[in-house]
PDB file of N, CA and C in Angstrom:
ATOM      1  N   MET A   1     -17.259  20.132   3.465  1.00  0.00           N
ATOM      2  CA  MET A   1     -16.931  18.898   2.778  1.00  0.00           C
ATOM      3  C   MET A   1     -18.083  17.916   2.910  1.00  0.00           C
ATOM      4  N   GLN A   2     -18.314  17.206   1.839  1.00  0.00           N
ATOM      5  CA  GLN A   2     -19.367  16.207   1.865  1.00  0.00           C
ATOM      6  C   GLN A   2     -18.752  14.820   1.828  1.00  0.00           C
ATOM      7  N   PRO A   3     -19.320  13.887   2.582  1.00  0.00           N
ATOM      8  CA  PRO A   3     -18.788  12.515   2.562  1.00  0.00           C
ATOM      9  C   PRO A   3     -18.963  11.878   1.192  1.00  0.00           C
ATOM     10  N   ARG A   4     -18.005  11.075   0.819  1.00  0.00           N
ATOM     11  CA  ARG A   4     -18.055  10.412  -0.484  1.00  0.00           C
ATOM     12  C   ARG A   4     -18.178   8.896  -0.361  1.00  0.00           C
ATOM     13  N   GLY A   5     -18.419   8.417   0.830  1.00  0.00           N
ATOM     14  CA  GLY A   5     -18.620   6.990   1.011  1.00  0.00           C
ATOM     15  C   GLY A   5     -17.346   6.177   1.158  1.00  0.00           C
ATOM     16  N   ALA A   6     -16.204   6.829   1.235  1.00  0.00           N
ATOM     17  CA  ALA A   6     -14.940   6.110   1.396  1.00  0.00           C
ATOM     18  C   ALA A   6     -14.618   6.003   2.881  1.00  0.00           C
ATOM     19  N   THR A   7     -14.045   4.894   3.259  1.00  0.00           N
ATOM     20  CA  THR A   7     -13.584   4.748   4.636  1.00  0.00           C
ATOM     21  C   THR A   7     -12.093   4.448   4.616  1.00  0.00           C
ATOM     22  N   PHE A   8     -11.411   4.959   5.602  1.00  0.00           N
ATOM     23  CA  PHE A   8      -9.971   4.784   5.677  1.00  0.00           C
ATOM     24  C   PHE A   8      -9.607   4.203   7.030  1.00  0.00           C
ATOM     25  N   GLU A   9      -8.590   3.390   7.029  1.00  0.00           N
ATOM     26  CA  GLU A   9      -8.101   2.812   8.272  1.00  0.00           C
ATOM     27  C   GLU A   9      -6.679   3.309   8.488  1.00  0.00           C
ATOM     28  N   VAL A  10      -6.439   3.894   9.636  1.00  0.00           N
ATOM     29  CA  VAL A  10      -5.099   4.374   9.962  1.00  0.00           C
ATOM     30  C   VAL A  10      -4.301   3.196  10.497  1.00  0.00           C
ATOM     31  N   ILE A  11      -3.127   2.968   9.881  1.00  0.00           N
ATOM     32  CA  ILE A  11      -2.255   1.897  10.355  1.00  0.00           C
ATOM     33  C   ILE A  11      -0.862   2.472  10.589  1.00  0.00           C
ATOM     34  N   PRO A  12      -0.145   1.976  11.578  1.00  0.00           N
ATOM     35  CA  PRO A  12       1.206   2.474  11.862  1.00  0.00           C
ATOM     36  C   PRO A  12       2.140   2.291  10.663  1.00  0.00           C
ATOM     37  N   TYR A  13       3.170   3.156  10.583  1.00  0.00           N
ATOM     38  CA  TYR A  13       4.118   3.099   9.461  1.00  0.00           C
ATOM     39  C   TYR A  13       4.710   1.716   9.237  1.00  0.00           C
ATOM     40  N   MET A  14       5.178   1.087  10.291  1.00  0.00           N
ATOM     41  CA  MET A  14       5.832  -0.212  10.104  1.00  0.00           C
ATOM     42  C   MET A  14       4.848  -1.254   9.589  1.00  0.00           C
ATOM     43  N   ASP A  15       3.600  -1.192  10.040  1.00  0.00           N
ATOM     44  CA  ASP A  15       2.593  -2.111   9.521  1.00  0.00           C
ATOM     45  C   ASP A  15       2.314  -1.825   8.052  1.00  0.00           C
ATOM     46  N   ALA A  16       2.232  -0.539   7.700  1.00  0.00           N
ATOM     47  CA  ALA A  16       1.986  -0.160   6.307  1.00  0.00           C
ATOM     48  C   ALA A  16       3.151  -0.600   5.429  1.00  0.00           C
ATOM     49  N   ARG A  17       4.355  -0.465   5.947  1.00  0.00           N
ATOM     50  CA  ARG A  17       5.537  -0.876   5.185  1.00  0.00           C
ATOM     51  C   ARG A  17       5.526  -2.391   4.968  1.00  0.00           C
ATOM     52  N   HIS A  18       5.220  -3.143   6.008  1.00  0.00           N
ATOM     53  CA  HIS A  18       5.159  -4.600   5.891  1.00  0.00           C
ATOM     54  C   HIS A  18       4.052  -5.008   4.916  1.00  0.00           C
ATOM     55  N   TYR A  19       2.906  -4.370   5.036  1.00  0.00           N
ATOM     56  CA  TYR A  19       1.762  -4.646   4.171  1.00  0.00           C
ATOM     57  C   TYR A  19       2.126  -4.394   2.705  1.00  0.00           C
ATOM     58  N   SER A  20       2.804  -3.269   2.439  1.00  0.00           N
ATOM     59  CA  SER A  20       3.181  -2.953   1.057  1.00  0.00           C
ATOM     60  C   SER A  20       4.249  -3.916   0.543  1.00  0.00           C
ATOM     61  N   GLU A  21       5.211  -4.298   1.389  1.00  0.00           N
ATOM     62  CA  GLU A  21       6.227  -5.274   0.976  1.00  0.00           C
ATOM     63  C   GLU A  21       5.589  -6.610   0.612  1.00  0.00           C
ATOM     64  N   MET A  22       4.630  -7.025   1.416  1.00  0.00           N
ATOM     65  CA  MET A  22       3.941  -8.287   1.174  1.00  0.00           C
ATOM     66  C   MET A  22       3.213  -8.252  -0.180  1.00  0.00           C
ATOM     67  N   HIS A  23       2.536  -7.151  -0.454  1.00  0.00           N
ATOM     68  CA  HIS A  23       1.798  -7.038  -1.710  1.00  0.00           C
ATOM     69  C   HIS A  23       2.721  -6.821  -2.911  1.00  0.00           C
ATOM     70  N   MET A  24       3.848  -6.155  -2.714  1.00  0.00           N
ATOM     71  CA  MET A  24       4.811  -6.002  -3.812  1.00  0.00           C
ATOM     72  C   MET A  24       5.350  -7.363  -4.220  1.00  0.00           C
ATOM     73  N   ALA A  25       5.638  -8.217  -3.256  1.00  0.00           N
ATOM     74  CA  ALA A  25       6.125  -9.567  -3.563  1.00  0.00           C
ATOM     75  C   ALA A  25       5.064 -10.348  -4.330  1.00  0.00           C
ATOM     76  N   LYS A  26       3.817 -10.220  -3.916  1.00  0.00           N
ATOM     77  CA  LYS A  26       2.720 -10.902  -4.606  1.00  0.00           C
ATOM     78  C   LYS A  26       2.574 -10.374  -6.035  1.00  0.00           C
ATOM     79  N   CYS A  27       2.692  -9.065  -6.212  1.00  0.00           N
ATOM     80  CA  CYS A  27       2.590  -8.460  -7.548  1.00  0.00           C
ATOM     81  C   CYS A  27       3.718  -8.952  -8.454  1.00  0.00           C
ATOM     82  N   ARG A  28       4.922  -9.085  -7.884  1.00  0.00           N
ATOM     83  CA  ARG A  28       6.048  -9.596  -8.678  1.00  0.00           C
ATOM     84  C   ARG A  28       5.779 -11.024  -9.140  1.00  0.00           C
ATOM     85  N   ARG A  29       5.295 -11.853  -8.220  1.00  0.00           N
ATOM     86  CA  ARG A  29       4.999 -13.256  -8.559  1.00  0.00           C
ATOM     87  C   ARG A  29       3.921 -13.364  -9.626  1.00  0.00           C
ATOM     88  N   GLU A  30       2.883 -12.546  -9.486  1.00  0.00           N
ATOM     89  CA  GLU A  30       1.731 -12.641 -10.378  1.00  0.00           C
ATOM     90  C   GLU A  30       1.804 -11.679 -11.556  1.00  0.00           C
ATOM     91  N   LYS A  31       2.895 -10.909 -11.635  1.00  0.00           N
ATOM     92  CA  LYS A  31       3.073  -9.914 -12.699  1.00  0.00           C
ATOM     93  C   LYS A  31       1.858  -8.977 -12.771  1.00  0.00           C
ATOM     94  N   SER A  32       1.449  -8.483 -11.615  1.00  0.00           N
ATOM     95  CA  SER A  32       0.265  -7.637 -11.493  1.00  0.00           C
ATOM     96  C   SER A  32       0.564  -6.187 -11.873  1.00  0.00           C
ATOM     97  N   SER A  33      -0.462  -5.506 -12.361  1.00  0.00           N
ATOM     98  CA  SER A  33      -0.317  -4.098 -12.734  1.00  0.00           C
ATOM     99  C   SER A  33      -0.432  -3.174 -11.516  1.00  0.00           C
ATOM    100  N   ASP A  34      -0.718  -3.729 -10.339  1.00  0.00           N
ATOM    101  CA  ASP A  34      -0.852  -2.926  -9.123  1.00  0.00           C
ATOM    102  C   ASP A  34       0.492  -2.594  -8.479  1.00  0.00           C
ATOM    103  N   MET A  35       1.572  -3.036  -9.060  1.00  0.00           N
ATOM    104  CA  MET A  35       2.901  -2.857  -8.466  1.00  0.00           C
ATOM    105  C   MET A  35       3.198  -1.387  -8.169  1.00  0.00           C
ATOM    106  N   ASP A  36       2.835  -0.482  -9.063  1.00  0.00           N
ATOM    107  CA  ASP A  36       3.127   0.942  -8.862  1.00  0.00           C
ATOM    108  C   ASP A  36       2.437   1.495  -7.614  1.00  0.00           C
ATOM    109  N   VAL A  37       1.216   1.063  -7.375  1.00  0.00           N
ATOM    110  CA  VAL A  37       0.469   1.525  -6.201  1.00  0.00           C
ATOM    111  C   VAL A  37       1.167   1.089  -4.918  1.00  0.00           C
ATOM    112  N   TRP A  38       1.575  -0.178  -4.861  1.00  0.00           N
ATOM    113  CA  TRP A  38       2.235  -0.698  -3.662  1.00  0.00           C
ATOM    114  C   TRP A  38       3.630  -0.114  -3.507  1.00  0.00           C
ATOM    115  N   GLN A  39       4.314   0.137  -4.617  1.00  0.00           N
ATOM    116  CA  GLN A  39       5.642   0.755  -4.562  1.00  0.00           C
ATOM    117  C   GLN A  39       5.538   2.167  -4.000  1.00  0.00           C
ATOM    118  N   GLU A  40       4.495   2.897  -4.395  1.00  0.00           N
ATOM    119  CA  GLU A  40       4.296   4.251  -3.880  1.00  0.00           C
ATOM    120  C   GLU A  40       4.046   4.235  -2.371  1.00  0.00           C
ATOM    121  N   LEU A  41       3.213   3.311  -1.902  1.00  0.00           N
ATOM    122  CA  LEU A  41       2.976   3.194  -0.458  1.00  0.00           C
ATOM    123  C   LEU A  41       4.271   2.845   0.269  1.00  0.00           C
ATOM    124  N   PHE A  42       5.038   1.930  -0.293  1.00  0.00           N
ATOM    125  CA  PHE A  42       6.316   1.541   0.300  1.00  0.00           C
ATOM    126  C   PHE A  42       7.240   2.754   0.415  1.00  0.00           C
ATOM    127  N   ASN A  43       7.328   3.543  -0.648  1.00  0.00           N
ATOM    128  CA  ASN A  43       8.191   4.730  -0.646  1.00  0.00           C
ATOM    129  C   ASN A  43       7.719   5.768   0.371  1.00  0.00           C
ATOM    130  N   GLN A  44       6.423   5.890   0.547  1.00  0.00           N
ATOM    131  CA  GLN A  44       5.883   6.864   1.498  1.00  0.00           C
ATOM    132  C   GLN A  44       6.159   6.461   2.940  1.00  0.00           C
ATOM    133  N   THR A  45       6.408   5.191   3.183  1.00  0.00           N
ATOM    134  CA  THR A  45       6.647   4.730   4.551  1.00  0.00           C
ATOM    135  C   THR A  45       8.129   4.554   4.854  1.00  0.00           C
ATOM    136  N   PHE A  46       9.010   4.969   3.937  1.00  0.00           N
ATOM    137  CA  PHE A  46      10.449   4.842   4.164  1.00  0.00           C
ATOM    138  C   PHE A  46      10.860   5.757   5.301  1.00  0.00           C
ATOM    139  N   MET A  47      11.599   5.209   6.249  1.00  0.00           N
ATOM    140  CA  MET A  47      12.045   6.017   7.390  1.00  0.00           C
ATOM    141  C   MET A  47      13.528   6.259   7.310  1.00  0.00           C
TER     142      MET A  47
END
């Protein structure tokens, strides 16, 4: 595998869930097109 210049940060599930909830609320307020991305992260962190 060759590096592609991307870096990732590992965050605990509950932090990821809170982070996605925060951004989903912002997307709703601003009618942003990023809602699907944050909804997917939220769904992936459902326990």
